[in-house]
Structure formats: C-alpha cells, structure tokens
Amino acid sequence: DAKIRDFAYSAAGKAKIVEFEGNFDDPGMASRLPIKFSNA
C-alpha cells in the first residue's frame, strides 16, 4: 500500500520517500507518546 519514490535533495544526494494513507496509530513505544489520527 506504500507509494515509494526517490527524491534528489541535492546534486549528490538522494532520499527515499514513502507515503501511506489511512488511520494512523502509534502506541508510543518509540516516541513514548501515543499518537492517533483518523484519515491521516
């Protein structure tokens, strides 16, 4: 379900960008702060 693309942020550097759409739910294990968004 991911949309993945390469993105040239400079003449010599490339980043990978991934996008998802849906409901987001981070239980906070990494951030320590739970975050939820509907239609995110």
PDB file of all heavy atoms in Angstrom:
ATOM      1  N   ASP A   1       0.821  -1.218   0.000  1.00  0.00           N
ATOM      2  CA  ASP A   1       0.000   0.000   0.000  1.00  0.00           C
ATOM      3  C   ASP A   1       0.856   1.271   0.000  1.00  0.00           C
ATOM      4  O   ASP A   1       0.311   2.377  -0.056  1.00  0.00           O
ATOM      5  CB  ASP A   1      -0.900   0.019   1.243  1.00  0.00           C
ATOM      6  CG  ASP A   1      -1.881  -1.145   1.271  1.00  0.00           C
ATOM      7  OD1 ASP A   1      -2.700  -1.239   0.337  1.00  0.00           O
ATOM      8  OD2 ASP A   1      -1.809  -1.961   2.203  1.00  0.00           O
ATOM      9  N   ALA A   2       2.157   1.111   0.063  1.00  0.00           N
ATOM     10  CA  ALA A   2       3.055   2.268   0.126  1.00  0.00           C
ATOM     11  C   ALA A   2       3.313   2.850  -1.260  1.00  0.00           C
ATOM     12  O   ALA A   2       3.391   2.123  -2.253  1.00  0.00           O
ATOM     13  CB  ALA A   2       4.380   1.860   0.763  1.00  0.00           C
ATOM     14  N   LYS A   3       3.428   4.155  -1.298  1.00  0.00           N
ATOM     15  CA  LYS A   3       3.903   4.841  -2.501  1.00  0.00           C
ATOM     16  C   LYS A   3       5.350   5.247  -2.233  1.00  0.00           C
ATOM     17  O   LYS A   3       5.615   6.063  -1.354  1.00  0.00           O
ATOM     18  CB  LYS A   3       3.048   6.073  -2.785  1.00  0.00           C
ATOM     19  CG  LYS A   3       1.599   5.758  -3.092  1.00  0.00           C
ATOM     20  CD  LYS A   3       0.799   7.035  -3.290  1.00  0.00           C
ATOM     21  CE  LYS A   3      -0.664   6.731  -3.564  1.00  0.00           C
ATOM     22  NZ  LYS A   3      -1.480   7.965  -3.693  1.00  0.00           N
ATOM     23  N   ILE A   4       6.271   4.666  -2.991  1.00  0.00           N
ATOM     24  CA  ILE A   4       7.704   4.890  -2.745  1.00  0.00           C
ATOM     25  C   ILE A   4       8.324   5.587  -3.951  1.00  0.00           C
ATOM     26  O   ILE A   4       8.058   5.215  -5.102  1.00  0.00           O
ATOM     27  CB  ILE A   4       8.428   3.558  -2.479  1.00  0.00           C
ATOM     28  CG1 ILE A   4       7.779   2.823  -1.301  1.00  0.00           C
ATOM     29  CG2 ILE A   4       9.910   3.793  -2.188  1.00  0.00           C
ATOM     30  CD1 ILE A   4       8.318   1.432  -1.071  1.00  0.00           C
ATOM     31  N   ARG A   5       9.136   6.585  -3.677  1.00  0.00           N
ATOM     32  CA  ARG A   5       9.821   7.289  -4.761  1.00  0.00           C
ATOM     33  C   ARG A   5      11.185   7.755  -4.296  1.00  0.00           C
ATOM     34  O   ARG A   5      11.429   7.923  -3.091  1.00  0.00           O
ATOM     35  CB  ARG A   5       9.000   8.487  -5.245  1.00  0.00           C
ATOM     36  CG  ARG A   5       8.679   9.512  -4.161  1.00  0.00           C
ATOM     37  CD  ARG A   5       7.645  10.523  -4.654  1.00  0.00           C
ATOM     38  NE  ARG A   5       7.127  11.366  -3.590  1.00  0.00           N
ATOM     39  CZ  ARG A   5       7.551  12.600  -3.323  1.00  0.00           C
ATOM     40  NH1 ARG A   5       8.536  13.136  -4.059  1.00  0.00           N
ATOM     41  NH2 ARG A   5       7.005  13.311  -2.354  1.00  0.00           N
ATOM     42  N   ASP A   6      12.071   7.948  -5.251  1.00  0.00           N
ATOM     43  CA  ASP A   6      13.370   8.545  -4.962  1.00  0.00           C
ATOM     44  C   ASP A   6      13.249  10.061  -5.072  1.00  0.00           C
ATOM     45  O   ASP A   6      12.485  10.583  -5.906  1.00  0.00           O
ATOM     46  CB  ASP A   6      14.434   8.048  -5.944  1.00  0.00           C
ATOM     47  CG  ASP A   6      14.791   6.587  -5.716  1.00  0.00           C
ATOM     48  OD1 ASP A   6      14.734   6.134  -4.559  1.00  0.00           O
ATOM     49  OD2 ASP A   6      15.106   5.884  -6.695  1.00  0.00           O
ATOM     50  N   PHE A   7      13.991  10.752  -4.219  1.00  0.00           N
ATOM     51  CA  PHE A   7      13.929  12.210  -4.216  1.00  0.00           C
ATOM     52  C   PHE A   7      15.345  12.752  -4.120  1.00  0.00           C
ATOM     53  O   PHE A   7      16.074  12.451  -3.162  1.00  0.00           O
ATOM     54  CB  PHE A   7      13.089  12.707  -3.039  1.00  0.00           C
ATOM     55  CG  PHE A   7      12.974  14.202  -2.960  1.00  0.00           C
ATOM     56  CD1 PHE A   7      12.065  14.882  -3.761  1.00  0.00           C
ATOM     57  CD2 PHE A   7      13.769  14.938  -2.089  1.00  0.00           C
ATOM     58  CE1 PHE A   7      11.956  16.263  -3.685  1.00  0.00           C
ATOM     59  CE2 PHE A   7      13.671  16.312  -2.007  1.00  0.00           C
ATOM     60  CZ  PHE A   7      12.757  16.985  -2.814  1.00  0.00           C
ATOM     61  N   ALA A   8      15.749  13.538  -5.122  1.00  0.00           N
ATOM     62  CA  ALA A   8      17.085  14.134  -5.119  1.00  0.00           C
ATOM     63  C   ALA A   8      17.052  15.420  -4.298  1.00  0.00           C
ATOM     64  O   ALA A   8      16.521  16.433  -4.738  1.00  0.00           O
ATOM     65  CB  ALA A   8      17.538  14.422  -6.542  1.00  0.00           C
ATOM     66  N   TYR A   9      17.608  15.357  -3.082  1.00  0.00           N
ATOM     67  CA  TYR A   9      17.608  16.557  -2.242  1.00  0.00           C
ATOM     68  C   TYR A   9      18.811  17.454  -2.535  1.00  0.00           C
ATOM     69  O   TYR A   9      18.861  18.601  -2.084  1.00  0.00           O
ATOM     70  CB  TYR A   9      17.559  16.185  -0.761  1.00  0.00           C
ATOM     71  CG  TYR A   9      18.727  15.380  -0.243  1.00  0.00           C
ATOM     72  CD1 TYR A   9      19.881  16.002   0.194  1.00  0.00           C
ATOM     73  CD2 TYR A   9      18.666  13.991  -0.190  1.00  0.00           C
ATOM     74  CE1 TYR A   9      20.953  15.275   0.666  1.00  0.00           C
ATOM     75  CE2 TYR A   9      19.729  13.246   0.288  1.00  0.00           C
ATOM     76  CZ  TYR A   9      20.862  13.892   0.719  1.00  0.00           C
ATOM     77  OH  TYR A   9      21.935  13.160   1.186  1.00  0.00           O
ATOM     78  N   SER A  10      19.792  16.932  -3.285  1.00  0.00           N
ATOM     79  CA  SER A  10      20.936  17.730  -3.733  1.00  0.00           C
ATOM     80  C   SER A  10      21.500  17.061  -4.978  1.00  0.00           C
ATOM     81  O   SER A  10      21.037  15.983  -5.390  1.00  0.00           O
ATOM     82  CB  SER A  10      22.016  17.815  -2.645  1.00  0.00           C
ATOM     83  OG  SER A  10      22.649  16.560  -2.480  1.00  0.00           O
ATOM     84  N   ALA A  11      22.506  17.705  -5.575  1.00  0.00           N
ATOM     85  CA  ALA A  11      23.105  17.136  -6.782  1.00  0.00           C
ATOM     86  C   ALA A  11      23.736  15.783  -6.509  1.00  0.00           C
ATOM     87  O   ALA A  11      23.805  14.921  -7.388  1.00  0.00           O
ATOM     88  CB  ALA A  11      24.148  18.106  -7.343  1.00  0.00           C
ATOM     89  N   ALA A  12      24.175  15.576  -5.268  1.00  0.00           N
ATOM     90  CA  ALA A  12      24.883  14.335  -4.945  1.00  0.00           C
ATOM     91  C   ALA A  12      24.110  13.419  -4.004  1.00  0.00           C
ATOM     92  O   ALA A  12      24.543  12.308  -3.723  1.00  0.00           O
ATOM     93  CB  ALA A  12      26.242  14.661  -4.324  1.00  0.00           C
ATOM     94  N   GLY A  13      22.965  13.889  -3.517  1.00  0.00           N
ATOM     95  CA  GLY A  13      22.268  13.102  -2.510  1.00  0.00           C
ATOM     96  C   GLY A  13      20.848  12.738  -2.899  1.00  0.00           C
ATOM     97  O   GLY A  13      20.113  13.550  -3.478  1.00  0.00           O
ATOM     98  N   LYS A  14      20.457  11.508  -2.588  1.00  0.00           N
ATOM     99  CA  LYS A  14      19.090  11.049  -2.844  1.00  0.00           C
ATOM    100  C   LYS A  14      18.479  10.491  -1.569  1.00  0.00           C
ATOM    101  O   LYS A  14      19.156   9.842  -0.775  1.00  0.00           O
ATOM    102  CB  LYS A  14      19.073   9.971  -3.927  1.00  0.00           C
ATOM    103  CG  LYS A  14      19.156  10.500  -5.339  1.00  0.00           C
ATOM    104  CD  LYS A  14      18.922   9.380  -6.340  1.00  0.00           C
ATOM    105  CE  LYS A  14      18.957   9.914  -7.773  1.00  0.00           C
ATOM    106  NZ  LYS A  14      18.706   8.832  -8.763  1.00  0.00           N
ATOM    107  N   ALA A  15      17.204  10.774  -1.399  1.00  0.00           N
ATOM    108  CA  ALA A  15      16.448  10.210  -0.280  1.00  0.00           C
ATOM    109  C   ALA A  15      15.378   9.294  -0.843  1.00  0.00           C
ATOM    110  O   ALA A  15      14.964   9.423  -1.993  1.00  0.00           O
ATOM    111  CB  ALA A  15      15.798  11.323   0.533  1.00  0.00           C
ATOM    112  N   LYS A  16      14.935   8.363  -0.028  1.00  0.00           N
ATOM    113  CA  LYS A  16      13.767   7.563  -0.381  1.00  0.00           C
ATOM    114  C   LYS A  16      12.586   8.125   0.400  1.00  0.00           C
ATOM    115  O   LYS A  16      12.671   8.339   1.605  1.00  0.00           O
ATOM    116  CB  LYS A  16      13.981   6.093  -0.019  1.00  0.00           C
ATOM    117  CG  LYS A  16      14.714   5.294  -1.082  1.00  0.00           C
ATOM    118  CD  LYS A  16      14.589   3.797  -0.822  1.00  0.00           C
ATOM    119  CE  LYS A  16      15.264   2.991  -1.928  1.00  0.00           C
ATOM    120  NZ  LYS A  16      14.639   3.216  -3.243  1.00  0.00           N
ATOM    121  N   ILE A  17      11.486   8.366  -0.298  1.00  0.00           N
ATOM    122  CA  ILE A  17      10.278   8.865   0.346  1.00  0.00           C
ATOM    123  C   ILE A  17       9.175   7.828   0.221  1.00  0.00           C
ATOM    124  O   ILE A  17       8.939   7.288  -0.863  1.00  0.00           O
ATOM    125  CB  ILE A  17       9.824  10.204  -0.266  1.00  0.00           C
ATOM    126  CG1 ILE A  17      10.862  11.298   0.020  1.00  0.00           C
ATOM    127  CG2 ILE A  17       8.458  10.618   0.269  1.00  0.00           C
ATOM    128  CD1 ILE A  17      10.491  12.667  -0.535  1.00  0.00           C
ATOM    129  N   VAL A  18       8.511   7.552   1.332  1.00  0.00           N
ATOM    130  CA  VAL A  18       7.390   6.615   1.340  1.00  0.00           C
ATOM    131  C   VAL A  18       6.163   7.330   1.888  1.00  0.00           C
ATOM    132  O   VAL A  18       6.265   8.143   2.810  1.00  0.00           O
ATOM    133  CB  VAL A  18       7.717   5.350   2.172  1.00  0.00           C
ATOM    134  CG1 VAL A  18       8.072   5.706   3.611  1.00  0.00           C
ATOM    135  CG2 VAL A  18       6.557   4.365   2.151  1.00  0.00           C
ATOM    136  N   GLU A  19       5.007   7.030   1.295  1.00  0.00           N
ATOM    137  CA  GLU A  19       3.756   7.645   1.740  1.00  0.00           C
ATOM    138  C   GLU A  19       2.697   6.571   1.972  1.00  0.00           C
ATOM    139  O   GLU A  19       2.581   5.611   1.205  1.00  0.00           O
ATOM    140  CB  GLU A  19       3.238   8.642   0.698  1.00  0.00           C
ATOM    141  CG  GLU A  19       4.180   9.808   0.434  1.00  0.00           C
ATOM    142  CD  GLU A  19       3.578  10.830  -0.528  1.00  0.00           C
ATOM    143  OE1 GLU A  19       2.337  10.800  -0.718  1.00  0.00           O
ATOM    144  OE2 GLU A  19       4.335  11.634  -1.089  1.00  0.00           O
ATOM    145  N   PHE A  20       1.939   6.744   3.051  1.00  0.00           N
ATOM    146  CA  PHE A  20       0.796   5.889   3.359  1.00  0.00           C
ATOM    147  C   PHE A  20      -0.398   6.784   3.665  1.00  0.00           C
ATOM    148  O   PHE A  20      -0.235   7.892   4.181  1.00  0.00           O
ATOM    149  CB  PHE A  20       1.056   5.023   4.601  1.00  0.00           C
ATOM    150  CG  PHE A  20       2.034   3.903   4.418  1.00  0.00           C
ATOM    151  CD1 PHE A  20       3.353   4.052   4.836  1.00  0.00           C
ATOM    152  CD2 PHE A  20       1.651   2.694   3.865  1.00  0.00           C
ATOM    153  CE1 PHE A  20       4.264   3.019   4.693  1.00  0.00           C
ATOM    154  CE2 PHE A  20       2.553   1.643   3.717  1.00  0.00           C
ATOM    155  CZ  PHE A  20       3.863   1.813   4.139  1.00  0.00           C
ATOM    156  N   GLU A  21      -1.600   6.275   3.374  1.00  0.00           N
ATOM    157  CA  GLU A  21      -2.819   6.978   3.762  1.00  0.00           C
ATOM    158  C   GLU A  21      -3.760   6.004   4.451  1.00  0.00           C
ATOM    159  O   GLU A  21      -3.857   4.840   4.066  1.00  0.00           O
ATOM    160  CB  GLU A  21      -3.490   7.614   2.542  1.00  0.00           C
ATOM    161  CG  GLU A  21      -2.684   8.763   1.953  1.00  0.00           C
ATOM    162  CD  GLU A  21      -3.438   9.489   0.843  1.00  0.00           C
ATOM    163  OE1 GLU A  21      -4.574   9.070   0.518  1.00  0.00           O
ATOM    164  OE2 GLU A  21      -2.886  10.459   0.305  1.00  0.00           O
ATOM    165  N   GLY A  22      -4.433   6.471   5.491  1.00  0.00           N
ATOM    166  CA  GLY A  22      -5.340   5.632   6.262  1.00  0.00           C
ATOM    167  C   GLY A  22      -5.473   6.195   7.662  1.00  0.00           C
ATOM    168  O   GLY A  22      -5.304   7.399   7.883  1.00  0.00           O
ATOM    169  N   ASN A  23      -5.754   5.341   8.619  1.00  0.00           N
ATOM    170  CA  ASN A  23      -5.797   5.749  10.024  1.00  0.00           C
ATOM    171  C   ASN A  23      -4.452   5.439  10.662  1.00  0.00           C
ATOM    172  O   ASN A  23      -3.927   4.339  10.503  1.00  0.00           O
ATOM    173  CB  ASN A  23      -6.909   5.013  10.767  1.00  0.00           C
ATOM    174  CG  ASN A  23      -8.282   5.345  10.209  1.00  0.00           C
ATOM    175  OD1 ASN A  23      -8.539   6.483   9.820  1.00  0.00           O
ATOM    176  ND2 ASN A  23      -9.172   4.361  10.164  1.00  0.00           N
ATOM    177  N   PHE A  24      -3.902   6.412  11.372  1.00  0.00           N
ATOM    178  CA  PHE A  24      -2.576   6.258  11.965  1.00  0.00           C
ATOM    179  C   PHE A  24      -2.698   6.029  13.460  1.00  0.00           C
ATOM    180  O   PHE A  24      -3.445   6.720  14.153  1.00  0.00           O
ATOM    181  CB  PHE A  24      -1.743   7.522  11.718  1.00  0.00           C
ATOM    182  CG  PHE A  24      -0.370   7.485  12.329  1.00  0.00           C
ATOM    183  CD1 PHE A  24       0.672   6.840  11.685  1.00  0.00           C
ATOM    184  CD2 PHE A  24      -0.119   8.096  13.549  1.00  0.00           C
ATOM    185  CE1 PHE A  24       1.949   6.812  12.248  1.00  0.00           C
ATOM    186  CE2 PHE A  24       1.145   8.068  14.122  1.00  0.00           C
ATOM    187  CZ  PHE A  24       2.174   7.426  13.468  1.00  0.00           C
ATOM    188  N   ASP A  25      -1.950   5.057  13.964  1.00  0.00           N
ATOM    189  CA  ASP A  25      -1.970   4.757  15.395  1.00  0.00           C
ATOM    190  C   ASP A  25      -0.580   4.325  15.828  1.00  0.00           C
ATOM    191  O   ASP A  25      -0.137   3.222  15.523  1.00  0.00           O
ATOM    192  CB  ASP A  25      -2.983   3.652  15.691  1.00  0.00           C
ATOM    193  CG  ASP A  25      -3.139   3.383  17.193  1.00  0.00           C
ATOM    194  OD1 ASP A  25      -2.437   4.035  17.989  1.00  0.00           O
ATOM    195  OD2 ASP A  25      -3.950   2.512  17.556  1.00  0.00           O
ATOM    196  N   ASP A  26       0.117   5.211  16.523  1.00  0.00           N
ATOM    197  CA  ASP A  26       1.426   4.904  17.087  1.00  0.00           C
ATOM    198  C   ASP A  26       1.244   4.732  18.585  1.00  0.00           C
ATOM    199  O   ASP A  26       0.925   5.694  19.287  1.00  0.00           O
ATOM    200  CB  ASP A  26       2.415   6.039  16.799  1.00  0.00           C
ATOM    201  CG  ASP A  26       3.802   5.779  17.381  1.00  0.00           C
ATOM    202  OD1 ASP A  26       3.977   4.759  18.062  1.00  0.00           O
ATOM    203  OD2 ASP A  26       4.702   6.607  17.156  1.00  0.00           O
ATOM    204  N   PRO A  27       1.408   3.501  19.111  1.00  0.00           N
ATOM    205  CA  PRO A  27       1.184   3.282  20.541  1.00  0.00           C
ATOM    206  C   PRO A  27       2.178   3.975  21.450  1.00  0.00           C
ATOM    207  O   PRO A  27       2.022   3.972  22.671  1.00  0.00           O
ATOM    208  CB  PRO A  27       1.295   1.761  20.682  1.00  0.00           C
ATOM    209  CG  PRO A  27       2.164   1.342  19.542  1.00  0.00           C
ATOM    210  CD  PRO A  27       1.832   2.285  18.414  1.00  0.00           C
ATOM    211  N   GLY A  28       3.222   4.563  20.865  1.00  0.00           N
ATOM    212  CA  GLY A  28       4.152   5.334  21.679  1.00  0.00           C
ATOM    213  C   GLY A  28       5.334   4.562  22.201  1.00  0.00           C
ATOM    214  O   GLY A  28       6.057   5.034  23.053  1.00  0.00           O
ATOM    215  N   MET A  29       5.581   3.350  21.702  1.00  0.00           N
ATOM    216  CA  MET A  29       6.707   2.558  22.195  1.00  0.00           C
ATOM    217  C   MET A  29       8.031   3.233  21.893  1.00  0.00           C
ATOM    218  O   MET A  29       8.957   3.207  22.694  1.00  0.00           O
ATOM    219  CB  MET A  29       6.673   1.162  21.578  1.00  0.00           C
ATOM    220  CG  MET A  29       5.495   0.332  22.060  1.00  0.00           C
ATOM    221  SD  MET A  29       5.467  -1.313  21.338  1.00  0.00           S
ATOM    222  CE  MET A  29       6.907  -2.041  22.104  1.00  0.00           C
ATOM    223  N   ALA A  30       8.117   3.870  20.710  1.00  0.00           N
ATOM    224  CA  ALA A  30       9.362   4.555  20.355  1.00  0.00           C
ATOM    225  C   ALA A  30       9.339   6.006  20.810  1.00  0.00           C
ATOM    226  O   ALA A  30      10.310   6.523  21.347  1.00  0.00           O
ATOM    227  CB  ALA A  30       9.583   4.480  18.844  1.00  0.00           C
ATOM    228  N   SER A  31       8.199   6.668  20.606  1.00  0.00           N
ATOM    229  CA  SER A  31       8.125   8.096  20.918  1.00  0.00           C
ATOM    230  C   SER A  31       7.776   8.363  22.373  1.00  0.00           C
ATOM    231  O   SER A  31       7.913   9.479  22.860  1.00  0.00           O
ATOM    232  CB  SER A  31       7.056   8.755  20.040  1.00  0.00           C
ATOM    233  OG  SER A  31       5.773   8.260  20.366  1.00  0.00           O
ATOM    234  N   ARG A  32       7.286   7.328  23.086  1.00  0.00           N
ATOM    235  CA  ARG A  32       6.804   7.435  24.462  1.00  0.00           C
ATOM    236  C   ARG A  32       5.489   8.181  24.549  1.00  0.00           C
ATOM    237  O   ARG A  32       4.915   8.354  25.611  1.00  0.00           O
ATOM    238  CB  ARG A  32       7.830   8.120  25.385  1.00  0.00           C
ATOM    239  CG  ARG A  32       9.178   7.439  25.431  1.00  0.00           C
ATOM    240  CD  ARG A  32      10.102   8.192  26.369  1.00  0.00           C
ATOM    241  NE  ARG A  32      11.473   7.778  26.191  1.00  0.00           N
ATOM    242  CZ  ARG A  32      12.503   8.381  26.769  1.00  0.00           C
ATOM    243  NH1 ARG A  32      12.302   9.404  27.562  1.00  0.00           N
ATOM    244  NH2 ARG A  32      13.734   7.956  26.563  1.00  0.00           N
ATOM    245  N   LEU A  33       4.994   8.672  23.408  1.00  0.00           N
ATOM    246  CA  LEU A  33       3.755   9.435  23.401  1.00  0.00           C
ATOM    247  C   LEU A  33       2.816   8.849  22.354  1.00  0.00           C
ATOM    248  O   LEU A  33       3.083   8.949  21.168  1.00  0.00           O
ATOM    249  CB  LEU A  33       4.044  10.903  23.072  1.00  0.00           C
ATOM    250  CG  LEU A  33       4.957  11.626  24.062  1.00  0.00           C
ATOM    251  CD1 LEU A  33       5.416  12.950  23.466  1.00  0.00           C
ATOM    252  CD2 LEU A  33       4.228  11.878  25.359  1.00  0.00           C
ATOM    253  N   PRO A  34       1.705   8.228  22.762  1.00  0.00           N
ATOM    254  CA  PRO A  34       0.788   7.664  21.777  1.00  0.00           C
ATOM    255  C   PRO A  34       0.168   8.752  20.905  1.00  0.00           C
ATOM    256  O   PRO A  34      -0.194   9.821  21.384  1.00  0.00           O
ATOM    257  CB  PRO A  34      -0.265   6.960  22.641  1.00  0.00           C
ATOM    258  CG  PRO A  34      -0.171   7.605  23.976  1.00  0.00           C
ATOM    259  CD  PRO A  34       1.253   8.032  24.143  1.00  0.00           C
ATOM    260  N   ILE A  35       0.068   8.495  19.597  1.00  0.00           N
ATOM    261  CA  ILE A  35      -0.494   9.454  18.655  1.00  0.00           C
ATOM    262  C   ILE A  35      -1.489   8.719  17.773  1.00  0.00           C
ATOM    263  O   ILE A  35      -1.194   7.639  17.268  1.00  0.00           O
ATOM    264  CB  ILE A  35       0.600  10.083  17.764  1.00  0.00           C
ATOM    265  CG1 ILE A  35       1.669  10.767  18.622  1.00  0.00           C
ATOM    266  CG2 ILE A  35       0.001  11.091  16.801  1.00  0.00           C
ATOM    267  CD1 ILE A  35       2.866  11.246  17.824  1.00  0.00           C
ATOM    268  N   LYS A  36      -2.670   9.306  17.580  1.00  0.00           N
ATOM    269  CA  LYS A  36      -3.681   8.715  16.710  1.00  0.00           C
ATOM    270  C   LYS A  36      -4.256   9.789  15.795  1.00  0.00           C
ATOM    271  O   LYS A  36      -4.516  10.914  16.236  1.00  0.00           O
ATOM    272  CB  LYS A  36      -4.812   8.085  17.529  1.00  0.00           C
ATOM    273  CG  LYS A  36      -4.434   6.809  18.253  1.00  0.00           C
ATOM    274  CD  LYS A  36      -5.668   6.187  18.902  1.00  0.00           C
ATOM    275  CE  LYS A  36      -5.315   4.877  19.594  1.00  0.00           C
ATOM    276  NZ  LYS A  36      -6.519   4.204  20.161  1.00  0.00           N
ATOM    277  N   PHE A  37      -4.444   9.433  14.519  1.00  0.00           N
ATOM    278  CA  PHE A  37      -5.109  10.304  13.565  1.00  0.00           C
ATOM    279  C   PHE A  37      -6.031   9.445  12.704  1.00  0.00           C
ATOM    280  O   PHE A  37      -5.610   8.410  12.191  1.00  0.00           O
ATOM    281  CB  PHE A  37      -4.108  11.009  12.637  1.00  0.00           C
ATOM    282  CG  PHE A  37      -3.235  12.035  13.305  1.00  0.00           C
ATOM    283  CD1 PHE A  37      -1.894  11.767  13.523  1.00  0.00           C
ATOM    284  CD2 PHE A  37      -3.737  13.268  13.675  1.00  0.00           C
ATOM    285  CE1 PHE A  37      -1.070  12.710  14.120  1.00  0.00           C
ATOM    286  CE2 PHE A  37      -2.919  14.218  14.281  1.00  0.00           C
ATOM    287  CZ  PHE A  37      -1.584  13.941  14.497  1.00  0.00           C
ATOM    288  N   SER A  38      -7.267   9.881  12.532  1.00  0.00           N
ATOM    289  CA  SER A  38      -8.154   9.264  11.554  1.00  0.00           C
ATOM    290  C   SER A  38      -7.978  10.001  10.232  1.00  0.00           C
ATOM    291  O   SER A  38      -7.696  11.207  10.215  1.00  0.00           O
ATOM    292  CB  SER A  38      -9.610   9.350  12.018  1.00  0.00           C
ATOM    293  OG  SER A  38      -9.784   8.635  13.227  1.00  0.00           O
ATOM    294  N   ASN A  39      -8.165   9.286   9.122  1.00  0.00           N
ATOM    295  CA  ASN A  39      -7.994   9.893   7.797  1.00  0.00           C
ATOM    296  C   ASN A  39      -6.674  10.650   7.736  1.00  0.00           C
ATOM    297  O   ASN A  39      -6.635  11.863   7.539  1.00  0.00           O
ATOM    298  CB  ASN A  39      -9.159  10.821   7.470  1.00  0.00           C
ATOM    299  CG  ASN A  39      -9.124  11.324   6.035  1.00  0.00           C
ATOM    300  OD1 ASN A  39      -8.530  10.685   5.149  1.00  0.00           O
ATOM    301  ND2 ASN A  39      -9.734  12.469   5.784  1.00  0.00           N
ATOM    302  N   ALA A  40      -5.603   9.909   7.940  1.00  0.00           N
ATOM    303  CA  ALA A  40      -4.268  10.509   8.067  1.00  0.00           C
ATOM    304  C   ALA A  40      -3.401  10.243   6.845  1.00  0.00           C
ATOM    305  O   ALA A  40      -3.709   9.385   5.997  1.00  0.00           O
ATOM    306  CB  ALA A  40      -3.575   9.954   9.308  1.00  0.00           C
TER     307      ALA A  40
END
